[in-house]
Amino acid sequence: MTAGNADLVDDPRAEAVALAYSAGDAAPRVVAKGRGLIAREIIERAREAGVYVHESPEMVALLMQVDLDARIPPQLYVAIAELLAWLYRMETAAGRNS
């Protein structure tokens, strides 16, 4: 899950995009995206589910161009792979600290 600025979710210009990826998938898919109130709802649901919300206005701007339920384009593979690897390290470290 990535947000343009998760702290400004009351901002009508705020944007959020949620990605899903499962082992065996060719690439992550855009499963939710929106602005304003929809962005706030996406962020709130992600946090309630314990999903980390990554803030990156640049990444959101690129992902907002991807159709809903579409796989990310090859041009974003490296950036998303780095984000997923970082997230995996964060989750692994958090698991060791619990």
PDB file of N, CA and C in Angstrom:
ATOM      1  N   MET A   1       0.854  -1.165   0.000  1.00  0.00           N
ATOM      2  CA  MET A   1       0.000   0.000   0.000  1.00  0.00           C
ATOM      3  C   MET A   1       0.894   1.220   0.000  1.00  0.00           C
ATOM      4  N   THR A   2       0.619   2.155  -0.849  1.00  0.00           N
ATOM      5  CA  THR A   2       1.407   3.370  -0.890  1.00  0.00           C
ATOM      6  C   THR A   2       0.488   4.580  -0.962  1.00  0.00           C
ATOM      7  N   ALA A   3       0.906   5.623  -0.314  1.00  0.00           N
ATOM      8  CA  ALA A   3       0.102   6.842  -0.263  1.00  0.00           C
ATOM      9  C   ALA A   3       0.978   8.030  -0.611  1.00  0.00           C
ATOM     10  N   GLY A   4       0.350   9.036  -1.190  1.00  0.00           N
ATOM     11  CA  GLY A   4       1.071  10.263  -1.500  1.00  0.00           C
ATOM     12  C   GLY A   4       1.530  10.948  -0.231  1.00  0.00           C
ATOM     13  N   ASN A   5       0.649  11.039   0.745  1.00  0.00           N
ATOM     14  CA  ASN A   5       0.980  11.573   2.055  1.00  0.00           C
ATOM     15  C   ASN A   5      -0.089  11.078   3.013  1.00  0.00           C
ATOM     16  N   ALA A   6       0.212  10.032   3.754  1.00  0.00           N
ATOM     17  CA  ALA A   6      -0.763   9.399   4.639  1.00  0.00           C
ATOM     18  C   ALA A   6      -1.183  10.291   5.791  1.00  0.00           C
ATOM     19  N   ASP A   7      -0.401  11.326   6.113  1.00  0.00           N
ATOM     20  CA  ASP A   7      -0.769  12.212   7.209  1.00  0.00           C
ATOM     21  C   ASP A   7      -1.758  13.283   6.782  1.00  0.00           C
ATOM     22  N   LEU A   8      -1.931  13.459   5.481  1.00  0.00           N
ATOM     23  CA  LEU A   8      -2.849  14.478   4.978  1.00  0.00           C
ATOM     24  C   LEU A   8      -4.072  13.845   4.348  1.00  0.00           C
ATOM     25  N   VAL A   9      -4.602  12.789   4.981  1.00  0.00           N
ATOM     26  CA  VAL A   9      -5.718  12.063   4.379  1.00  0.00           C
ATOM     27  C   VAL A   9      -7.000  12.883   4.305  1.00  0.00           C
ATOM     28  N   ASP A  10      -7.096  14.008   5.005  1.00  0.00           N
ATOM     29  CA  ASP A  10      -8.271  14.867   4.875  1.00  0.00           C
ATOM     30  C   ASP A  10      -8.141  15.813   3.690  1.00  0.00           C
ATOM     31  N   ASP A  11      -7.000  15.833   3.080  1.00  0.00           N
ATOM     32  CA  ASP A  11      -6.741  16.665   1.911  1.00  0.00           C
ATOM     33  C   ASP A  11      -7.446  16.054   0.706  1.00  0.00           C
ATOM     34  N   PRO A  12      -8.320  16.783   0.030  1.00  0.00           N
ATOM     35  CA  PRO A  12      -9.029  16.222  -1.129  1.00  0.00           C
ATOM     36  C   PRO A  12      -8.092  15.845  -2.267  1.00  0.00           C
ATOM     37  N   ARG A  13      -6.858  16.327  -2.223  1.00  0.00           N
ATOM     38  CA  ARG A  13      -5.877  15.976  -3.255  1.00  0.00           C
ATOM     39  C   ARG A  13      -5.065  14.737  -2.875  1.00  0.00           C
ATOM     40  N   ALA A  14      -5.235  14.232  -1.654  1.00  0.00           N
ATOM     41  CA  ALA A  14      -4.489  13.052  -1.218  1.00  0.00           C
ATOM     42  C   ALA A  14      -4.824  11.868  -2.123  1.00  0.00           C
ATOM     43  N   GLU A  15      -3.825  11.042  -2.390  1.00  0.00           N
ATOM     44  CA  GLU A  15      -4.015   9.878  -3.248  1.00  0.00           C
ATOM     45  C   GLU A  15      -3.447   8.646  -2.553  1.00  0.00           C
ATOM     46  N   ALA A  16      -4.036   7.492  -2.853  1.00  0.00           N
ATOM     47  CA  ALA A  16      -3.545   6.228  -2.307  1.00  0.00           C
ATOM     48  C   ALA A  16      -3.754   5.125  -3.337  1.00  0.00           C
ATOM     49  N   VAL A  17      -2.826   4.186  -3.343  1.00  0.00           N
ATOM     50  CA  VAL A  17      -2.896   3.032  -4.232  1.00  0.00           C
ATOM     51  C   VAL A  17      -2.540   1.802  -3.407  1.00  0.00           C
ATOM     52  N   ALA A  18      -3.331   0.739  -3.560  1.00  0.00           N
ATOM     53  CA  ALA A  18      -3.053  -0.524  -2.880  1.00  0.00           C
ATOM     54  C   ALA A  18      -2.646  -1.561  -3.912  1.00  0.00           C
ATOM     55  N   LEU A  19      -1.588  -2.290  -3.578  1.00  0.00           N
ATOM     56  CA  LEU A  19      -1.104  -3.353  -4.458  1.00  0.00           C
ATOM     57  C   LEU A  19      -1.292  -4.692  -3.775  1.00  0.00           C
ATOM     58  N   ALA A  20      -1.462  -5.732  -4.583  1.00  0.00           N
ATOM     59  CA  ALA A  20      -1.519  -7.103  -4.067  1.00  0.00           C
ATOM     60  C   ALA A  20      -0.547  -7.940  -4.875  1.00  0.00           C
ATOM     61  N   TYR A  21       0.147  -8.824  -4.186  1.00  0.00           N
ATOM     62  CA  TYR A  21       1.091  -9.718  -4.855  1.00  0.00           C
ATOM     63  C   TYR A  21       1.108 -11.044  -4.116  1.00  0.00           C
ATOM     64  N   SER A  22       0.987 -12.113  -4.872  1.00  0.00           N
ATOM     65  CA  SER A  22       1.057 -13.458  -4.309  1.00  0.00           C
ATOM     66  C   SER A  22       2.138 -14.227  -5.049  1.00  0.00           C
ATOM     67  N   ALA A  23       2.745 -15.171  -4.352  1.00  0.00           N
ATOM     68  CA  ALA A  23       3.758 -16.011  -4.988  1.00  0.00           C
ATOM     69  C   ALA A  23       3.153 -16.633  -6.244  1.00  0.00           C
ATOM     70  N   GLY A  24       3.899 -16.612  -7.304  1.00  0.00           N
ATOM     71  CA  GLY A  24       3.414 -17.160  -8.567  1.00  0.00           C
ATOM     72  C   GLY A  24       2.792 -16.127  -9.484  1.00  0.00           C
ATOM     73  N   ASP A  25       2.448 -14.950  -8.954  1.00  0.00           N
ATOM     74  CA  ASP A  25       1.921 -13.884  -9.807  1.00  0.00           C
ATOM     75  C   ASP A  25       3.031 -13.351 -10.689  1.00  0.00           C
ATOM     76  N   ALA A  26       2.675 -12.946 -11.890  1.00  0.00           N
ATOM     77  CA  ALA A  26       3.657 -12.376 -12.807  1.00  0.00           C
ATOM     78  C   ALA A  26       4.168 -11.028 -12.286  1.00  0.00           C
ATOM     79  N   ALA A  27       3.290 -10.264 -11.664  1.00  0.00           N
ATOM     80  CA  ALA A  27       3.647  -8.944 -11.144  1.00  0.00           C
ATOM     81  C   ALA A  27       2.557  -8.510 -10.170  1.00  0.00           C
ATOM     82  N   PRO A  28       2.868  -7.565  -9.269  1.00  0.00           N
ATOM     83  CA  PRO A  28       1.827  -7.035  -8.380  1.00  0.00           C
ATOM     84  C   PRO A  28       0.704  -6.388  -9.189  1.00  0.00           C
ATOM     85  N   ARG A  29      -0.506  -6.415  -8.615  1.00  0.00           N
ATOM     86  CA  ARG A  29      -1.685  -5.804  -9.245  1.00  0.00           C
ATOM     87  C   ARG A  29      -2.149  -4.615  -8.425  1.00  0.00           C
ATOM     88  N   VAL A  30      -2.726  -3.641  -9.096  1.00  0.00           N
ATOM     89  CA  VAL A  30      -3.360  -2.504  -8.423  1.00  0.00           C
ATOM     90  C   VAL A  30      -4.760  -2.970  -8.024  1.00  0.00           C
ATOM     91  N   VAL A  31      -5.016  -3.078  -6.721  1.00  0.00           N
ATOM     92  CA  VAL A  31      -6.314  -3.582  -6.266  1.00  0.00           C
ATOM     93  C   VAL A  31      -7.227  -2.493  -5.720  1.00  0.00           C
ATOM     94  N   ALA A  32      -6.678  -1.299  -5.483  1.00  0.00           N
ATOM     95  CA  ALA A  32      -7.496  -0.162  -5.059  1.00  0.00           C
ATOM     96  C   ALA A  32      -6.699   1.107  -5.321  1.00  0.00           C
ATOM     97  N   LYS A  33      -7.418   2.161  -5.684  1.00  0.00           N
ATOM     98  CA  LYS A  33      -6.769   3.458  -5.841  1.00  0.00           C
ATOM     99  C   LYS A  33      -7.832   4.534  -5.765  1.00  0.00           C
ATOM    100  N   GLY A  34      -7.432   5.710  -5.297  1.00  0.00           N
ATOM    101  CA  GLY A  34      -8.397   6.786  -5.220  1.00  0.00           C
ATOM    102  C   GLY A  34      -7.806   8.054  -4.657  1.00  0.00           C
ATOM    103  N   ARG A  35      -8.639   9.090  -4.663  1.00  0.00           N
ATOM    104  CA  ARG A  35      -8.267  10.415  -4.157  1.00  0.00           C
ATOM    105  C   ARG A  35      -9.233  10.828  -3.056  1.00  0.00           C
ATOM    106  N   GLY A  36      -8.799  11.764  -2.240  1.00  0.00           N
ATOM    107  CA  GLY A  36      -9.663  12.349  -1.226  1.00  0.00           C
ATOM    108  C   GLY A  36     -10.223  11.335  -0.245  1.00  0.00           C
ATOM    109  N   LEU A  37     -11.548  11.273  -0.144  1.00  0.00           N
ATOM    110  CA  LEU A  37     -12.196  10.367   0.808  1.00  0.00           C
ATOM    111  C   LEU A  37     -11.889   8.901   0.509  1.00  0.00           C
ATOM    112  N   ILE A  38     -11.795   8.558  -0.758  1.00  0.00           N
ATOM    113  CA  ILE A  38     -11.484   7.169  -1.110  1.00  0.00           C
ATOM    114  C   ILE A  38     -10.061   6.838  -0.679  1.00  0.00           C
ATOM    115  N   ALA A  39      -9.130   7.776  -0.880  1.00  0.00           N
ATOM    116  CA  ALA A  39      -7.750   7.560  -0.431  1.00  0.00           C
ATOM    117  C   ALA A  39      -7.716   7.358   1.079  1.00  0.00           C
ATOM    118  N   ARG A  40      -8.467   8.184   1.798  1.00  0.00           N
ATOM    119  CA  ARG A  40      -8.506   8.055   3.259  1.00  0.00           C
ATOM    120  C   ARG A  40      -9.028   6.682   3.659  1.00  0.00           C
ATOM    121  N   GLU A  41     -10.070   6.209   3.001  1.00  0.00           N
ATOM    122  CA  GLU A  41     -10.649   4.900   3.310  1.00  0.00           C
ATOM    123  C   GLU A  41      -9.650   3.774   3.013  1.00  0.00           C
ATOM    124  N   ILE A  42      -8.947   3.880   1.894  1.00  0.00           N
ATOM    125  CA  ILE A  42      -7.931   2.873   1.553  1.00  0.00           C
ATOM    126  C   ILE A  42      -6.857   2.829   2.639  1.00  0.00           C
ATOM    127  N   ILE A  43      -6.388   3.994   3.058  1.00  0.00           N
ATOM    128  CA  ILE A  43      -5.340   4.070   4.080  1.00  0.00           C
ATOM    129  C   ILE A  43      -5.847   3.529   5.411  1.00  0.00           C
ATOM    130  N   GLU A  44      -7.050   3.918   5.818  1.00  0.00           N
ATOM    131  CA  GLU A  44      -7.610   3.444   7.087  1.00  0.00           C
ATOM    132  C   GLU A  44      -7.776   1.924   7.083  1.00  0.00           C
ATOM    133  N   ARG A  45      -8.298   1.369   6.002  1.00  0.00           N
ATOM    134  CA  ARG A  45      -8.478  -0.089   5.929  1.00  0.00           C
ATOM    135  C   ARG A  45      -7.136  -0.812   5.949  1.00  0.00           C
ATOM    136  N   ALA A  46      -6.161  -0.258   5.282  1.00  0.00           N
ATOM    137  CA  ALA A  46      -4.832  -0.876   5.291  1.00  0.00           C
ATOM    138  C   ALA A  46      -4.274  -0.893   6.708  1.00  0.00           C
ATOM    139  N   ARG A  47      -4.354   0.226   7.392  1.00  0.00           N
ATOM    140  CA  ARG A  47      -3.828   0.293   8.770  1.00  0.00           C
ATOM    141  C   ARG A  47      -4.585  -0.641   9.705  1.00  0.00           C
ATOM    142  N   GLU A  48      -5.921  -0.697   9.565  1.00  0.00           N
ATOM    143  CA  GLU A  48      -6.721  -1.604  10.399  1.00  0.00           C
ATOM    144  C   GLU A  48      -6.325  -3.059  10.175  1.00  0.00           C
ATOM    145  N   ALA A  49      -5.927  -3.379   8.947  1.00  0.00           N
ATOM    146  CA  ALA A  49      -5.532  -4.752   8.611  1.00  0.00           C
ATOM    147  C   ALA A  49      -4.066  -5.023   8.943  1.00  0.00           C
ATOM    148  N   GLY A  50      -3.373  -4.010   9.461  1.00  0.00           N
ATOM    149  CA  GLY A  50      -1.968  -4.186   9.805  1.00  0.00           C
ATOM    150  C   GLY A  50      -1.042  -4.109   8.607  1.00  0.00           C
ATOM    151  N   VAL A  51      -1.520  -3.513   7.513  1.00  0.00           N
ATOM    152  CA  VAL A  51      -0.710  -3.371   6.305  1.00  0.00           C
ATOM    153  C   VAL A  51       0.083  -2.076   6.412  1.00  0.00           C
ATOM    154  N   TYR A  52       1.368  -2.179   6.143  1.00  0.00           N
ATOM    155  CA  TYR A  52       2.219  -0.999   6.194  1.00  0.00           C
ATOM    156  C   TYR A  52       1.840  -0.028   5.075  1.00  0.00           C
ATOM    157  N   VAL A  53       1.759   1.252   5.407  1.00  0.00           N
ATOM    158  CA  VAL A  53       1.448   2.291   4.431  1.00  0.00           C
ATOM    159  C   VAL A  53       2.741   3.040   4.119  1.00  0.00           C
ATOM    160  N   HIS A  54       3.217   2.876   2.911  1.00  0.00           N
ATOM    161  CA  HIS A  54       4.447   3.529   2.451  1.00  0.00           C
ATOM    162  C   HIS A  54       4.083   4.854   1.807  1.00  0.00           C
ATOM    163  N   GLU A  55       4.753   5.928   2.202  1.00  0.00           N
ATOM    164  CA  GLU A  55       4.466   7.242   1.636  1.00  0.00           C
ATOM    165  C   GLU A  55       5.465   7.581   0.548  1.00  0.00           C
ATOM    166  N   SER A  56       4.958   7.754  -0.653  1.00  0.00           N
ATOM    167  CA  SER A  56       5.805   8.124  -1.783  1.00  0.00           C
ATOM    168  C   SER A  56       4.953   8.790  -2.858  1.00  0.00           C
ATOM    169  N   PRO A  57       4.912  10.118  -2.851  1.00  0.00           N
ATOM    170  CA  PRO A  57       4.106  10.816  -3.859  1.00  0.00           C
ATOM    171  C   PRO A  57       4.497  10.444  -5.294  1.00  0.00           C
ATOM    172  N   GLU A  58       5.797  10.231  -5.514  1.00  0.00           N
ATOM    173  CA  GLU A  58       6.249   9.895  -6.863  1.00  0.00           C
ATOM    174  C   GLU A  58       5.723   8.525  -7.287  1.00  0.00           C
ATOM    175  N   MET A  59       5.787   7.544  -6.383  1.00  0.00           N
ATOM    176  CA  MET A  59       5.316   6.195  -6.693  1.00  0.00           C
ATOM    177  C   MET A  59       3.808   6.205  -6.917  1.00  0.00           C
ATOM    178  N   VAL A  60       3.086   6.941  -6.082  1.00  0.00           N
ATOM    179  CA  VAL A  60       1.627   7.021  -6.236  1.00  0.00           C
ATOM    180  C   VAL A  60       1.277   7.640  -7.583  1.00  0.00           C
ATOM    181  N   ALA A  61       1.980   8.693  -7.963  1.00  0.00           N
ATOM    182  CA  ALA A  61       1.696   9.338  -9.251  1.00  0.00           C
ATOM    183  C   ALA A  61       1.833   8.344 -10.397  1.00  0.00           C
ATOM    184  N   LEU A  62       2.853   7.494 -10.334  1.00  0.00           N
ATOM    185  CA  LEU A  62       3.035   6.482 -11.378  1.00  0.00           C
ATOM    186  C   LEU A  62       1.958   5.409 -11.302  1.00  0.00           C
ATOM    187  N   LEU A  63       1.665   4.933 -10.089  1.00  0.00           N
ATOM    188  CA  LEU A  63       0.698   3.846  -9.923  1.00  0.00           C
ATOM    189  C   LEU A  63      -0.739   4.278 -10.206  1.00  0.00           C
ATOM    190  N   MET A  64      -1.047   5.565 -10.025  1.00  0.00           N
ATOM    191  CA  MET A  64      -2.399   6.056 -10.329  1.00  0.00           C
ATOM    192  C   MET A  64      -2.700   5.935 -11.821  1.00  0.00           C
ATOM    193  N   GLN A  65      -1.673   5.819 -12.645  1.00  0.00           N
ATOM    194  CA  GLN A  65      -1.859   5.684 -14.085  1.00  0.00           C
ATOM    195  C   GLN A  65      -2.169   4.243 -14.504  1.00  0.00           C
ATOM    196  N   VAL A  66      -1.981   3.290 -13.580  1.00  0.00           N
ATOM    197  CA  VAL A  66      -2.230   1.878 -13.874  1.00  0.00           C
ATOM    198  C   VAL A  66      -3.716   1.588 -13.641  1.00  0.00           C
ATOM    199  N   ASP A  67      -4.350   0.899 -14.572  1.00  0.00           N
ATOM    200  CA  ASP A  67      -5.762   0.560 -14.433  1.00  0.00           C
ATOM    201  C   ASP A  67      -6.000  -0.324 -13.220  1.00  0.00           C
ATOM    202  N   LEU A  68      -7.164  -0.179 -12.622  1.00  0.00           N
ATOM    203  CA  LEU A  68      -7.561  -1.006 -11.492  1.00  0.00           C
ATOM    204  C   LEU A  68      -7.580  -2.470 -11.914  1.00  0.00           C
ATOM    205  N   ASP A  69      -7.050  -3.336 -11.100  1.00  0.00           N
ATOM    206  CA  ASP A  69      -6.933  -4.773 -11.299  1.00  0.00           C
ATOM    207  C   ASP A  69      -5.920  -5.156 -12.380  1.00  0.00           C
ATOM    208  N   ALA A  70      -5.144  -4.184 -12.850  1.00  0.00           N
ATOM    209  CA  ALA A  70      -4.100  -4.465 -13.837  1.00  0.00           C
ATOM    210  C   ALA A  70      -2.774  -4.698 -13.121  1.00  0.00           C
ATOM    211  N   ARG A  71      -1.923  -5.490 -13.739  1.00  0.00           N
ATOM    212  CA  ARG A  71      -0.583  -5.692 -13.209  1.00  0.00           C
ATOM    213  C   ARG A  71       0.255  -4.445 -13.471  1.00  0.00           C
ATOM    214  N   ILE A  72       1.208  -4.190 -12.589  1.00  0.00           N
ATOM    215  CA  ILE A  72       2.074  -3.027 -12.801  1.00  0.00           C
ATOM    216  C   ILE A  72       2.884  -3.245 -14.076  1.00  0.00           C
ATOM    217  N   PRO A  73       3.233  -2.173 -14.772  1.00  0.00           N
ATOM    218  CA  PRO A  73       4.005  -2.318 -16.006  1.00  0.00           C
ATOM    219  C   PRO A  73       5.467  -2.662 -15.710  1.00  0.00           C
ATOM    220  N   PRO A  74       6.134  -3.292 -16.669  1.00  0.00           N
ATOM    221  CA  PRO A  74       7.537  -3.675 -16.470  1.00  0.00           C
ATOM    222  C   PRO A  74       8.439  -2.514 -16.049  1.00  0.00           C
ATOM    223  N   GLN A  75       8.121  -1.295 -16.468  1.00  0.00           N
ATOM    224  CA  GLN A  75       8.934  -0.140 -16.111  1.00  0.00           C
ATOM    225  C   GLN A  75       8.976   0.091 -14.598  1.00  0.00           C
ATOM    226  N   LEU A  76       7.977  -0.417 -13.876  1.00  0.00           N
ATOM    227  CA  LEU A  76       7.928  -0.223 -12.421  1.00  0.00           C
ATOM    228  C   LEU A  76       8.419  -1.441 -11.638  1.00  0.00           C
ATOM    229  N   TYR A  77       8.793  -2.511 -12.323  1.00  0.00           N
ATOM    230  CA  TYR A  77       9.203  -3.740 -11.633  1.00  0.00           C
ATOM    231  C   TYR A  77      10.312  -3.494 -10.615  1.00  0.00           C
ATOM    232  N   VAL A  78      11.366  -2.802 -11.012  1.00  0.00           N
ATOM    233  CA  VAL A  78      12.510  -2.616 -10.117  1.00  0.00           C
ATOM    234  C   VAL A  78      12.103  -1.794  -8.891  1.00  0.00           C
ATOM    235  N   ALA A  79      11.387  -0.695  -9.106  1.00  0.00           N
ATOM    236  CA  ALA A  79      10.983   0.149  -7.980  1.00  0.00           C
ATOM    237  C   ALA A  79      10.078  -0.606  -7.015  1.00  0.00           C
ATOM    238  N   ILE A  80       9.112  -1.351  -7.533  1.00  0.00           N
ATOM    239  CA  ILE A  80       8.195  -2.104  -6.678  1.00  0.00           C
ATOM    240  C   ILE A  80       8.923  -3.263  -6.015  1.00  0.00           C
ATOM    241  N   ALA A  81       9.835  -3.926  -6.721  1.00  0.00           N
ATOM    242  CA  ALA A  81      10.611  -5.027  -6.132  1.00  0.00           C
ATOM    243  C   ALA A  81      11.438  -4.515  -4.954  1.00  0.00           C
ATOM    244  N   GLU A  82      12.045  -3.346  -5.106  1.00  0.00           N
ATOM    245  CA  GLU A  82      12.821  -2.762  -4.008  1.00  0.00           C
ATOM    246  C   GLU A  82      11.918  -2.432  -2.823  1.00  0.00           C
ATOM    247  N   LEU A  83      10.732  -1.911  -3.097  1.00  0.00           N
ATOM    248  CA  LEU A  83       9.776  -1.612  -2.034  1.00  0.00           C
ATOM    249  C   LEU A  83       9.340  -2.885  -1.318  1.00  0.00           C
ATOM    250  N   LEU A  84       9.024  -3.943  -2.064  1.00  0.00           N
ATOM    251  CA  LEU A  84       8.600  -5.211  -1.454  1.00  0.00           C
ATOM    252  C   LEU A  84       9.736  -5.843  -0.653  1.00  0.00           C
ATOM    253  N   ALA A  85      10.967  -5.761  -1.157  1.00  0.00           N
ATOM    254  CA  ALA A  85      12.113  -6.313  -0.426  1.00  0.00           C
ATOM    255  C   ALA A  85      12.322  -5.556   0.872  1.00  0.00           C
ATOM    256  N   TRP A  86      12.207  -4.236   0.827  1.00  0.00           N
ATOM    257  CA  TRP A  86      12.346  -3.423   2.032  1.00  0.00           C
ATOM    258  C   TRP A  86      11.247  -3.766   3.031  1.00  0.00           C
ATOM    259  N   LEU A  87      10.011  -3.912   2.542  1.00  0.00           N
ATOM    260  CA  LEU A  87       8.893  -4.259   3.410  1.00  0.00           C
ATOM    261  C   LEU A  87       9.107  -5.626   4.058  1.00  0.00           C
ATOM    262  N   TYR A  88       9.599  -6.586   3.291  1.00  0.00           N
ATOM    263  CA  TYR A  88       9.877  -7.918   3.822  1.00  0.00           C
ATOM    264  C   TYR A  88      10.915  -7.828   4.945  1.00  0.00           C
ATOM    265  N   ARG A  89      11.961  -7.035   4.740  1.00  0.00           N
ATOM    266  CA  ARG A  89      12.991  -6.866   5.787  1.00  0.00           C
ATOM    267  C   ARG A  89      12.381  -6.233   7.032  1.00  0.00           C
ATOM    268  N   MET A  90      11.510  -5.242   6.848  1.00  0.00           N
ATOM    269  CA  MET A  90      10.852  -4.579   7.992  1.00  0.00           C
ATOM    270  C   MET A  90       9.999  -5.587   8.767  1.00  0.00           C
ATOM    271  N   GLU A  91       9.203  -6.394   8.048  1.00  0.00           N
ATOM    272  CA  GLU A  91       8.335  -7.373   8.696  1.00  0.00           C
ATOM    273  C   GLU A  91       9.158  -8.445   9.401  1.00  0.00           C
ATOM    274  N   THR A  92      10.252  -8.869   8.787  1.00  0.00           N
ATOM    275  CA  THR A  92      11.125  -9.881   9.390  1.00  0.00           C
ATOM    276  C   THR A  92      11.766  -9.334  10.661  1.00  0.00           C
ATOM    277  N   ALA A  93      12.240  -8.092  10.611  1.00  0.00           N
ATOM    278  CA  ALA A  93      12.846  -7.471  11.789  1.00  0.00           C
ATOM    279  C   ALA A  93      11.806  -7.303  12.892  1.00  0.00           C
ATOM    280  N   ALA A  94      10.600  -6.897  12.538  1.00  0.00           N
ATOM    281  CA  ALA A  94       9.532  -6.725  13.531  1.00  0.00           C
ATOM    282  C   ALA A  94       9.184  -8.066  14.176  1.00  0.00           C
ATOM    283  N   GLY A  95       9.206  -9.137  13.391  1.00  0.00           N
ATOM    284  CA  GLY A  95       8.909 -10.471  13.923  1.00  0.00           C
ATOM    285  C   GLY A  95       9.949 -10.917  14.930  1.00  0.00           C
ATOM    286  N   ARG A  96      11.205 -10.538  14.706  1.00  0.00           N
ATOM    287  CA  ARG A  96      12.274 -10.895  15.642  1.00  0.00           C
ATOM    288  C   ARG A  96      12.174 -10.092  16.920  1.00  0.00           C
ATOM    289  N   ASN A  97      11.579  -8.902  16.845  1.00  0.00           N
ATOM    290  CA  ASN A  97      11.487  -8.029  18.022  1.00  0.00           C
ATOM    291  C   ASN A  97      10.225  -8.319  18.839  1.00  0.00           C
ATOM    292  N   SER A  98       9.344  -9.178  18.363  1.00  0.00           N
ATOM    293  CA  SER A  98       8.090  -9.453  19.089  1.00  0.00           C
ATOM    294  C   SER A  98       8.300 -10.487  20.159  1.00  0.00           C
TER     295      SER A  98
END
